[in-house]
């Protein structure tokens, strides 16, 4: 029987032999699982896994918190940047407005300074003109020489001595003047008023050589029509000619050889107006 078993065993396939080794190993493994070290090791592994899981969860939660804080910080930073940009923009606008206002103020002050300078220059020129005028007035003795009467643009001198017409003419020329010449009613009224206090005759510059000659003034100009009403004209001519004089408000004519006072006339030295 042993021989048969041995033969049968030998007749089994060769591949059935490893199964016996495997079974032998499994048997050894089961023996290990049933050993006293299996439970502590498993518990340790479980605890480690749980601990690692807790750590991962905690790290993940912390990461979420940090991420949320970073987002809030970024949002706050963006908000602060926008506020800062608005503040900078407002400051720039205020600075621009201040610069514009300052420029306008400077322009206004510059214009006012120019106007003040112009006014000062005008005042200075007026002061200089006034000083010149005062200097002229200080050196000016008057429009007419002493003892002469001033009326508008002319000076008049009433002589204190009598002489014939030609001599009176010479006396006036010696004074850089001429015998009286009446060209207007105003001039005539002034002479009539000036001689109204005297009854003496006063030669004027009007004369003629012959009876039918026109009346001429000393400078050769003719008498204006209807200006003088001459009375007492001699009927006969005299070689000295006929000359006109004024007396007691009237205008008369007589021979030029007669003696009478005279009225000299010259232009007044008026201050020039600027």
C-alpha atoms as a PDB file:
ATOM      1  CA  UNK A   1       0.000   0.000   0.000  1.00  0.00           C
ATOM      2  CA  UNK A   2       2.800   2.290   0.673  1.00  0.00           C
ATOM      3  CA  UNK A   3       4.134   1.499  -2.733  1.00  0.00           C
ATOM      4  CA  UNK A   4       0.827   2.461  -4.334  1.00  0.00           C
ATOM      5  CA  UNK A   5       0.681   5.698  -2.503  1.00  0.00           C
ATOM      6  CA  UNK A   6       4.141   6.464  -3.477  1.00  0.00           C
ATOM      7  CA  UNK A   7       3.402   5.685  -7.045  1.00  0.00           C
ATOM      8  CA  UNK A   8       0.215   7.676  -6.971  1.00  0.00           C
ATOM      9  CA  UNK A   9       2.024  10.488  -5.500  1.00  0.00           C
ATOM     10  CA  UNK A  10       4.533  10.345  -8.132  1.00  0.00           C
ATOM     11  CA  UNK A  11       1.816  10.181 -10.781  1.00  0.00           C
ATOM     12  CA  UNK A  12       0.334  13.519  -9.668  1.00  0.00           C
ATOM     13  CA  UNK A  13       1.158  16.493 -11.858  1.00  0.00           C
ATOM     14  CA  UNK A  14       4.177  18.392 -11.000  1.00  0.00           C
ATOM     15  CA  UNK A  15       2.199  21.660 -10.700  1.00  0.00           C
ATOM     16  CA  UNK A  16       0.336  20.357  -7.723  1.00  0.00           C
ATOM     17  CA  UNK A  17       3.421  20.525  -5.575  1.00  0.00           C
ATOM     18  CA  UNK A  18       3.694  24.335  -5.283  1.00  0.00           C
ATOM     19  CA  UNK A  19       0.203  24.404  -3.868  1.00  0.00           C
ATOM     20  CA  UNK A  20       1.418  22.495  -0.991  1.00  0.00           C
ATOM     21  CA  UNK A  21       4.170  25.071  -0.400  1.00  0.00           C
ATOM     22  CA  UNK A  22       1.653  27.864  -0.697  1.00  0.00           C
ATOM     23  CA  UNK A  23      -0.597  26.195   1.727  1.00  0.00           C
ATOM     24  CA  UNK A  24       2.315  25.784   3.959  1.00  0.00           C
ATOM     25  CA  UNK A  25       3.060  29.544   3.697  1.00  0.00           C
ATOM     26  CA  UNK A  26      -0.576  30.435   4.263  1.00  0.00           C
ATOM     27  CA  UNK A  27      -0.549  28.398   7.244  1.00  0.00           C
ATOM     28  CA  UNK A  28       2.420  30.309   8.479  1.00  0.00           C
ATOM     29  CA  UNK A  29       0.633  33.627   7.687  1.00  0.00           C
ATOM     30  CA  UNK A  30      -2.403  32.648   9.616  1.00  0.00           C
ATOM     31  CA  UNK A  31      -0.178  31.833  12.431  1.00  0.00           C
ATOM     32  CA  UNK A  32       1.225  35.411  12.221  1.00  0.00           C
ATOM     33  CA  UNK A  33      -2.229  36.985  12.192  1.00  0.00           C
ATOM     34  CA  UNK A  34      -3.106  35.066  15.174  1.00  0.00           C
ATOM     35  CA  UNK A  35      -0.027  36.225  16.961  1.00  0.00           C
ATOM     36  CA  UNK A  36      -0.135  38.786  19.788  1.00  0.00           C
ATOM     37  CA  UNK A  37       1.501  41.682  17.730  1.00  0.00           C
ATOM     38  CA  UNK A  38      -1.215  42.125  15.184  1.00  0.00           C
ATOM     39  CA  UNK A  39      -3.658  44.208  17.259  1.00  0.00           C
ATOM     40  CA  UNK A  40      -1.219  46.877  18.526  1.00  0.00           C
ATOM     41  CA  UNK A  41       0.222  47.368  15.050  1.00  0.00           C
ATOM     42  CA  UNK A  42      -3.204  47.744  13.499  1.00  0.00           C
ATOM     43  CA  UNK A  43      -4.303  50.175  16.172  1.00  0.00           C
ATOM     44  CA  UNK A  44      -1.137  52.199  15.670  1.00  0.00           C
ATOM     45  CA  UNK A  45      -1.695  52.361  11.934  1.00  0.00           C
ATOM     46  CA  UNK A  46      -5.289  53.440  12.419  1.00  0.00           C
ATOM     47  CA  UNK A  47      -4.268  56.125  14.878  1.00  0.00           C
ATOM     48  CA  UNK A  48      -1.587  57.345  12.487  1.00  0.00           C
ATOM     49  CA  UNK A  49      -4.031  57.468   9.607  1.00  0.00           C
ATOM     50  CA  UNK A  50      -6.607  59.297  11.696  1.00  0.00           C
ATOM     51  CA  UNK A  51      -3.960  61.719  12.939  1.00  0.00           C
ATOM     52  CA  UNK A  52      -2.738  62.364   9.416  1.00  0.00           C
ATOM     53  CA  UNK A  53      -6.310  62.910   8.271  1.00  0.00           C
ATOM     54  CA  UNK A  54      -6.934  65.354  11.121  1.00  0.00           C
ATOM     55  CA  UNK A  55      -3.716  67.194  10.305  1.00  0.00           C
ATOM     56  CA  UNK A  56      -4.664  67.371   6.628  1.00  0.00           C
ATOM     57  CA  UNK A  57      -8.141  68.658   7.536  1.00  0.00           C
ATOM     58  CA  UNK A  58      -6.678  71.238   9.923  1.00  0.00           C
ATOM     59  CA  UNK A  59      -4.117  72.334   7.328  1.00  0.00           C
ATOM     60  CA  UNK A  60      -6.833  72.537   4.694  1.00  0.00           C
ATOM     61  CA  UNK A  61      -9.035  74.654   6.996  1.00  0.00           C
ATOM     62  CA  UNK A  62      -6.093  76.882   7.856  1.00  0.00           C
ATOM     63  CA  UNK A  63      -5.347  77.184   4.168  1.00  0.00           C
ATOM     64  CA  UNK A  64      -8.944  78.193   3.555  1.00  0.00           C
ATOM     65  CA  UNK A  65      -8.749  80.769   6.356  1.00  0.00           C
ATOM     66  CA  UNK A  66      -5.478  82.143   5.034  1.00  0.00           C
ATOM     67  CA  UNK A  67      -6.921  82.252   1.521  1.00  0.00           C
ATOM     68  CA  UNK A  68     -10.010  84.037   2.821  1.00  0.00           C
ATOM     69  CA  UNK A  69      -7.830  86.478   4.747  1.00  0.00           C
ATOM     70  CA  UNK A  70      -5.738  87.054   1.634  1.00  0.00           C
ATOM     71  CA  UNK A  71      -8.871  87.760  -0.396  1.00  0.00           C
ATOM     72  CA  UNK A  72     -10.150  90.160   2.237  1.00  0.00           C
ATOM     73  CA  UNK A  73      -6.726  91.799   2.453  1.00  0.00           C
ATOM     74  CA  UNK A  74      -6.590  92.075  -1.334  1.00  0.00           C
ATOM     75  CA  UNK A  75     -10.090  93.540  -1.426  1.00  0.00           C
ATOM     76  CA  UNK A  76      -9.221  95.976   1.383  1.00  0.00           C
ATOM     77  CA  UNK A  77      -5.989  96.877  -0.382  1.00  0.00           C
ATOM     78  CA  UNK A  78      -7.846  97.483  -3.636  1.00  0.00           C
ATOM     79  CA  UNK A  79     -10.380  99.604  -1.777  1.00  0.00           C
ATOM     80  CA  UNK A  80      -7.586 101.570  -0.104  1.00  0.00           C
ATOM     81  CA  UNK A  81      -5.871 102.036  -3.473  1.00  0.00           C
ATOM     82  CA  UNK A  82      -9.093 103.386  -4.979  1.00  0.00           C
ATOM     83  CA  UNK A  83      -9.551 105.729  -2.034  1.00  0.00           C
ATOM     84  CA  UNK A  84      -5.924 106.829  -2.370  1.00  0.00           C
ATOM     85  CA  UNK A  85      -6.362 107.362  -6.111  1.00  0.00           C
ATOM     86  CA  UNK A  86      -9.489 109.449  -5.492  1.00  0.00           C
ATOM     87  CA  UNK A  87      -7.638 111.461  -2.855  1.00  0.00           C
ATOM     88  CA  UNK A  88      -4.660 111.986  -5.178  1.00  0.00           C
ATOM     89  CA  UNK A  89      -7.030 112.985  -7.998  1.00  0.00           C
ATOM     90  CA  UNK A  90      -8.854 115.388  -5.682  1.00  0.00           C
ATOM     91  CA  UNK A  91      -5.538 116.835  -4.503  1.00  0.00           C
ATOM     92  CA  UNK A  92      -4.380 117.232  -8.107  1.00  0.00           C
ATOM     93  CA  UNK A  93      -7.629 118.939  -9.026  1.00  0.00           C
ATOM     94  CA  UNK A  94      -7.340 121.197  -5.989  1.00  0.00           C
ATOM     95  CA  UNK A  95      -3.709 121.913  -6.865  1.00  0.00           C
ATOM     96  CA  UNK A  96      -4.685 122.704 -10.468  1.00  0.00           C
ATOM     97  CA  UNK A  97      -7.472 124.965  -9.264  1.00  0.00           C
ATOM     98  CA  UNK A  98      -5.082 126.666  -6.861  1.00  0.00           C
ATOM     99  CA  UNK A  99      -2.509 127.113  -9.620  1.00  0.00           C
ATOM    100  CA  UNK A 100      -5.161 128.533 -11.941  1.00  0.00           C
ATOM    101  CA  UNK A 101      -6.381 130.894  -9.251  1.00  0.00           C
ATOM    102  CA  UNK A 102      -2.797 131.879  -8.453  1.00  0.00           C
ATOM    103  CA  UNK A 103      -2.129 132.514 -12.154  1.00  0.00           C
ATOM    104  CA  UNK A 104      -5.257 134.650 -12.413  1.00  0.00           C
ATOM    105  CA  UNK A 105      -4.186 136.556  -9.289  1.00  0.00           C
ATOM    106  CA  UNK A 106      -0.698 137.087 -10.715  1.00  0.00           C
ATOM    107  CA  UNK A 107      -2.158 138.260 -14.038  1.00  0.00           C
ATOM    108  CA  UNK A 108      -4.493 140.645 -12.227  1.00  0.00           C
ATOM    109  CA  UNK A 109      -1.691 142.011 -10.061  1.00  0.00           C
ATOM    110  CA  UNK A 110       0.553 142.366 -13.127  1.00  0.00           C
ATOM    111  CA  UNK A 111      -2.152 144.313 -14.971  1.00  0.00           C
ATOM    112  CA  UNK A 112      -2.794 146.500 -11.925  1.00  0.00           C
ATOM    113  CA  UNK A 113       0.953 147.104 -11.568  1.00  0.00           C
ATOM    114  CA  UNK A 114       1.157 148.160 -15.209  1.00  0.00           C
ATOM    115  CA  UNK A 115      -1.801 150.501 -14.737  1.00  0.00           C
ATOM    116  CA  UNK A 116      -0.274 151.939 -11.556  1.00  0.00           C
ATOM    117  CA  UNK A 117       3.053 152.368 -13.330  1.00  0.00           C
ATOM    118  CA  UNK A 118       1.299 154.082 -16.221  1.00  0.00           C
ATOM    119  CA  UNK A 119      -0.569 156.375 -13.822  1.00  0.00           C
ATOM    120  CA  UNK A 120       2.670 157.164 -11.988  1.00  0.00           C
ATOM    121  CA  UNK A 121       4.383 157.987 -15.284  1.00  0.00           C
ATOM    122  CA  UNK A 122       1.502 160.264 -16.237  1.00  0.00           C
ATOM    123  CA  UNK A 123       1.610 161.944 -12.816  1.00  0.00           C
ATOM    124  CA  UNK A 124       5.373 162.344 -13.135  1.00  0.00           C
ATOM    125  CA  UNK A 125       4.977 163.926 -16.577  1.00  0.00           C
ATOM    126  CA  UNK A 126       2.254 166.222 -15.247  1.00  0.00           C
ATOM    127  CA  UNK A 127       4.530 167.149 -12.340  1.00  0.00           C
ATOM    128  CA  UNK A 128       7.353 167.962 -14.757  1.00  0.00           C
ATOM    129  CA  UNK A 129       4.994 170.030 -16.905  1.00  0.00           C
ATOM    130  CA  UNK A 130       3.747 171.833 -13.802  1.00  0.00           C
ATOM    131  CA  UNK A 131       7.298 172.562 -12.693  1.00  0.00           C
ATOM    132  CA  UNK A 132       8.096 173.958 -16.132  1.00  0.00           C
ATOM    133  CA  UNK A 133       4.943 176.075 -16.051  1.00  0.00           C
ATOM    134  CA  UNK A 134       5.788 177.330 -12.557  1.00  0.00           C
ATOM    135  CA  UNK A 135       9.289 178.160 -13.723  1.00  0.00           C
ATOM    136  CA  UNK A 136       7.875 180.115 -16.634  1.00  0.00           C
ATOM    137  CA  UNK A 137       5.463 181.911 -14.322  1.00  0.00           C
ATOM    138  CA  UNK A 138       8.314 182.728 -11.932  1.00  0.00           C
ATOM    139  CA  UNK A 139      10.294 184.226 -14.808  1.00  0.00           C
ATOM    140  CA  UNK A 140       7.240 185.863 -16.363  1.00  0.00           C
ATOM    141  CA  UNK A 141       6.679 189.519 -15.538  1.00  0.00           C
ATOM    142  CA  UNK A 142       3.275 189.663 -17.194  1.00  0.00           C
ATOM    143  CA  UNK A 143       1.744 189.809 -20.650  1.00  0.00           C
ATOM    144  CA  UNK A 144       2.342 193.542 -20.915  1.00  0.00           C
ATOM    145  CA  UNK A 145       5.164 195.901 -19.891  1.00  0.00           C
ATOM    146  CA  UNK A 146       4.719 198.242 -16.957  1.00  0.00           C
ATOM    147  CA  UNK A 147       2.131 201.014 -17.423  1.00  0.00           C
ATOM    148  CA  UNK A 148       0.512 199.208 -20.342  1.00  0.00           C
ATOM    149  CA  UNK A 149      -3.115 198.030 -20.282  1.00  0.00           C
ATOM    150  CA  UNK A 150      -3.823 194.431 -21.143  1.00  0.00           C
ATOM    151  CA  UNK A 151      -6.913 193.388 -23.074  1.00  0.00           C
ATOM    152  CA  UNK A 152      -7.143 189.888 -24.489  1.00  0.00           C
ATOM    153  CA  UNK A 153      -4.288 189.497 -26.997  1.00  0.00           C
ATOM    154  CA  UNK A 154      -3.014 193.090 -27.018  1.00  0.00           C
ATOM    155  CA  UNK A 155      -1.354 195.654 -24.771  1.00  0.00           C
ATOM    156  CA  UNK A 156      -2.156 199.370 -24.916  1.00  0.00           C
ATOM    157  CA  UNK A 157      -0.155 202.421 -23.793  1.00  0.00           C
ATOM    158  CA  UNK A 158      -1.757 205.853 -23.456  1.00  0.00           C
ATOM    159  CA  UNK A 159       0.933 208.478 -23.925  1.00  0.00           C
ATOM    160  CA  UNK A 160       1.443 211.263 -21.422  1.00  0.00           C
ATOM    161  CA  UNK A 161       2.750 213.796 -23.967  1.00  0.00           C
ATOM    162  CA  UNK A 162       1.188 215.320 -27.063  1.00  0.00           C
ATOM    163  CA  UNK A 163       2.741 215.287 -30.530  1.00  0.00           C
ATOM    164  CA  UNK A 164       1.685 215.248 -34.169  1.00  0.00           C
ATOM    165  CA  UNK A 165       0.642 212.018 -35.832  1.00  0.00           C
ATOM    166  CA  UNK A 166       3.964 211.131 -37.507  1.00  0.00           C
ATOM    167  CA  UNK A 167       5.886 211.765 -34.275  1.00  0.00           C
ATOM    168  CA  UNK A 168       3.406 209.622 -32.330  1.00  0.00           C
ATOM    169  CA  UNK A 169       3.971 206.880 -34.885  1.00  0.00           C
ATOM    170  CA  UNK A 170       7.734 207.088 -34.306  1.00  0.00           C
ATOM    171  CA  UNK A 171       7.280 206.981 -30.543  1.00  0.00           C
ATOM    172  CA  UNK A 172       5.196 203.797 -30.770  1.00  0.00           C
ATOM    173  CA  UNK A 173       7.703 202.130 -33.095  1.00  0.00           C
ATOM    174  CA  UNK A 174      10.465 202.944 -30.632  1.00  0.00           C
ATOM    175  CA  UNK A 175       8.514 200.879 -28.116  1.00  0.00           C
ATOM    176  CA  UNK A 176       8.211 197.976 -30.602  1.00  0.00           C
ATOM    177  CA  UNK A 177       4.563 198.839 -31.124  1.00  0.00           C
ATOM    178  CA  UNK A 178       2.262 200.674 -33.528  1.00  0.00           C
ATOM    179  CA  UNK A 179      -0.523 203.207 -33.274  1.00  0.00           C
ATOM    180  CA  UNK A 180      -3.931 201.853 -32.256  1.00  0.00           C
ATOM    181  CA  UNK A 181      -5.694 199.666 -34.813  1.00  0.00           C
ATOM    182  CA  UNK A 182      -9.376 198.792 -34.239  1.00  0.00           C
ATOM    183  CA  UNK A 183     -10.575 195.600 -35.924  1.00  0.00           C
ATOM    184  CA  UNK A 184     -13.671 194.668 -33.882  1.00  0.00           C
ATOM    185  CA  UNK A 185     -16.532 196.105 -31.868  1.00  0.00           C
ATOM    186  CA  UNK A 186     -15.085 194.565 -28.721  1.00  0.00           C
ATOM    187  CA  UNK A 187     -11.783 196.308 -29.335  1.00  0.00           C
ATOM    188  CA  UNK A 188     -13.609 199.608 -29.961  1.00  0.00           C
ATOM    189  CA  UNK A 189     -15.684 199.338 -26.782  1.00  0.00           C
ATOM    190  CA  UNK A 190     -12.563 198.686 -24.707  1.00  0.00           C
ATOM    191  CA  UNK A 191     -10.821 201.818 -26.080  1.00  0.00           C
ATOM    192  CA  UNK A 192     -13.940 203.966 -25.595  1.00  0.00           C
ATOM    193  CA  UNK A 193     -14.190 202.828 -21.986  1.00  0.00           C
ATOM    194  CA  UNK A 194     -10.468 203.383 -21.363  1.00  0.00           C
ATOM    195  CA  UNK A 195     -10.638 206.975 -22.692  1.00  0.00           C
ATOM    196  CA  UNK A 196     -13.981 207.867 -21.163  1.00  0.00           C
ATOM    197  CA  UNK A 197     -12.282 209.559 -18.175  1.00  0.00           C
ATOM    198  CA  UNK A 198     -10.388 212.002 -20.400  1.00  0.00           C
ATOM    199  CA  UNK A 199     -11.474 214.897 -22.647  1.00  0.00           C
ATOM    200  CA  UNK A 200      -8.174 214.878 -24.574  1.00  0.00           C
ATOM    201  CA  UNK A 201      -7.825 213.567 -28.135  1.00  0.00           C
ATOM    202  CA  UNK A 202      -5.783 210.380 -28.786  1.00  0.00           C
ATOM    203  CA  UNK A 203      -4.282 209.569 -32.175  1.00  0.00           C
ATOM    204  CA  UNK A 204      -4.958 206.127 -33.667  1.00  0.00           C
ATOM    205  CA  UNK A 205      -3.286 204.507 -36.670  1.00  0.00           C
ATOM    206  CA  UNK A 206      -6.007 205.314 -39.238  1.00  0.00           C
ATOM    207  CA  UNK A 207      -5.138 207.946 -41.869  1.00  0.00           C
ATOM    208  CA  UNK A 208      -5.260 208.926 -45.560  1.00  0.00           C
ATOM    209  CA  UNK A 209      -3.177 211.202 -47.794  1.00  0.00           C
ATOM    210  CA  UNK A 210      -5.886 212.695 -50.025  1.00  0.00           C
ATOM    211  CA  UNK A 211      -9.551 213.457 -49.633  1.00  0.00           C
ATOM    212  CA  UNK A 212     -10.820 210.667 -51.848  1.00  0.00           C
ATOM    213  CA  UNK A 213      -8.241 208.075 -50.776  1.00  0.00           C
ATOM    214  CA  UNK A 214      -9.454 205.104 -48.694  1.00  0.00           C
ATOM    215  CA  UNK A 215      -8.835 205.078 -45.000  1.00  0.00           C
ATOM    216  CA  UNK A 216      -5.830 202.857 -44.191  1.00  0.00           C
ATOM    217  CA  UNK A 217      -4.309 201.606 -40.997  1.00  0.00           C
ATOM    218  CA  UNK A 218      -0.637 201.966 -40.250  1.00  0.00           C
ATOM    219  CA  UNK A 219       0.126 198.456 -41.557  1.00  0.00           C
ATOM    220  CA  UNK A 220      -1.654 199.249 -44.862  1.00  0.00           C
ATOM    221  CA  UNK A 221      -4.886 197.305 -44.229  1.00  0.00           C
ATOM    222  CA  UNK A 222      -8.198 199.094 -45.085  1.00  0.00           C
ATOM    223  CA  UNK A 223     -10.852 200.117 -42.581  1.00  0.00           C
ATOM    224  CA  UNK A 224     -13.669 197.624 -42.225  1.00  0.00           C
ATOM    225  CA  UNK A 225     -16.958 199.091 -43.505  1.00  0.00           C
ATOM    226  CA  UNK A 226     -19.400 200.401 -40.898  1.00  0.00           C
ATOM    227  CA  UNK A 227     -16.931 199.754 -38.049  1.00  0.00           C
ATOM    228  CA  UNK A 228     -16.173 203.442 -37.294  1.00  0.00           C
ATOM    229  CA  UNK A 229     -18.331 206.477 -37.818  1.00  0.00           C
ATOM    230  CA  UNK A 230     -15.835 209.260 -38.473  1.00  0.00           C
ATOM    231  CA  UNK A 231     -16.963 212.836 -37.831  1.00  0.00           C
ATOM    232  CA  UNK A 232     -15.426 216.277 -38.392  1.00  0.00           C
ATOM    233  CA  UNK A 233     -13.560 215.442 -41.562  1.00  0.00           C
ATOM    234  CA  UNK A 234     -11.851 218.632 -42.888  1.00  0.00           C
ATOM    235  CA  UNK A 235     -13.234 219.933 -46.191  1.00  0.00           C
ATOM    236  CA  UNK A 236      -9.773 220.798 -47.458  1.00  0.00           C
ATOM    237  CA  UNK A 237      -6.822 218.445 -47.550  1.00  0.00           C
ATOM    238  CA  UNK A 238      -3.507 219.217 -45.858  1.00  0.00           C
ATOM    239  CA  UNK A 239      -0.083 218.109 -47.113  1.00  0.00           C
ATOM    240  CA  UNK A 240       0.410 216.139 -43.878  1.00  0.00           C
ATOM    241  CA  UNK A 241      -2.751 214.203 -44.669  1.00  0.00           C
ATOM    242  CA  UNK A 242      -5.865 213.480 -42.606  1.00  0.00           C
ATOM    243  CA  UNK A 243      -5.593 211.394 -39.443  1.00  0.00           C
ATOM    244  CA  UNK A 244      -8.211 209.961 -37.095  1.00  0.00           C
ATOM    245  CA  UNK A 245      -8.365 210.374 -33.326  1.00  0.00           C
ATOM    246  CA  UNK A 246     -10.722 209.414 -30.525  1.00  0.00           C
ATOM    247  CA  UNK A 247     -12.110 211.912 -28.019  1.00  0.00           C
ATOM    248  CA  UNK A 248     -14.892 211.735 -25.442  1.00  0.00           C
ATOM    249  CA  UNK A 249     -16.445 208.619 -26.976  1.00  0.00           C
ATOM    250  CA  UNK A 250     -16.414 209.876 -30.549  1.00  0.00           C
ATOM    251  CA  UNK A 251     -14.265 209.268 -33.626  1.00  0.00           C
ATOM    252  CA  UNK A 252     -12.972 212.351 -35.399  1.00  0.00           C
ATOM    253  CA  UNK A 253     -10.600 213.272 -38.249  1.00  0.00           C
ATOM    254  CA  UNK A 254      -8.310 216.293 -38.656  1.00  0.00           C
ATOM    255  CA  UNK A 255      -5.006 217.368 -40.144  1.00  0.00           C
ATOM    256  CA  UNK A 256      -2.171 215.106 -39.043  1.00  0.00           C
ATOM    257  CA  UNK A 257      -0.031 218.128 -38.143  1.00  0.00           C
ATOM    258  CA  UNK A 258      -2.085 218.799 -35.021  1.00  0.00           C
ATOM    259  CA  UNK A 259      -0.820 217.768 -31.620  1.00  0.00           C
ATOM    260  CA  UNK A 260      -2.647 215.120 -29.587  1.00  0.00           C
ATOM    261  CA  UNK A 261      -1.995 212.282 -27.225  1.00  0.00           C
ATOM    262  CA  UNK A 262      -1.580 208.817 -28.763  1.00  0.00           C
ATOM    263  CA  UNK A 263      -2.448 205.164 -28.091  1.00  0.00           C
ATOM    264  CA  UNK A 264       0.240 202.554 -28.841  1.00  0.00           C
ATOM    265  CA  UNK A 265      -0.656 198.922 -29.385  1.00  0.00           C
ATOM    266  CA  UNK A 266       1.468 195.730 -29.279  1.00  0.00           C
ATOM    267  CA  UNK A 267       0.813 192.028 -28.981  1.00  0.00           C
ATOM    268  CA  UNK A 268       0.645 190.673 -25.439  1.00  0.00           C
ATOM    269  CA  UNK A 269       3.228 188.091 -24.363  1.00  0.00           C
ATOM    270  CA  UNK A 270       0.897 185.328 -23.263  1.00  0.00           C
ATOM    271  CA  UNK A 271       2.070 182.077 -21.705  1.00  0.00           C
ATOM    272  CA  UNK A 272       1.793 179.189 -24.177  1.00  0.00           C
ATOM    273  CA  UNK A 273      -0.913 176.668 -23.346  1.00  0.00           C
ATOM    274  CA  UNK A 274       0.103 172.971 -23.470  1.00  0.00           C
END
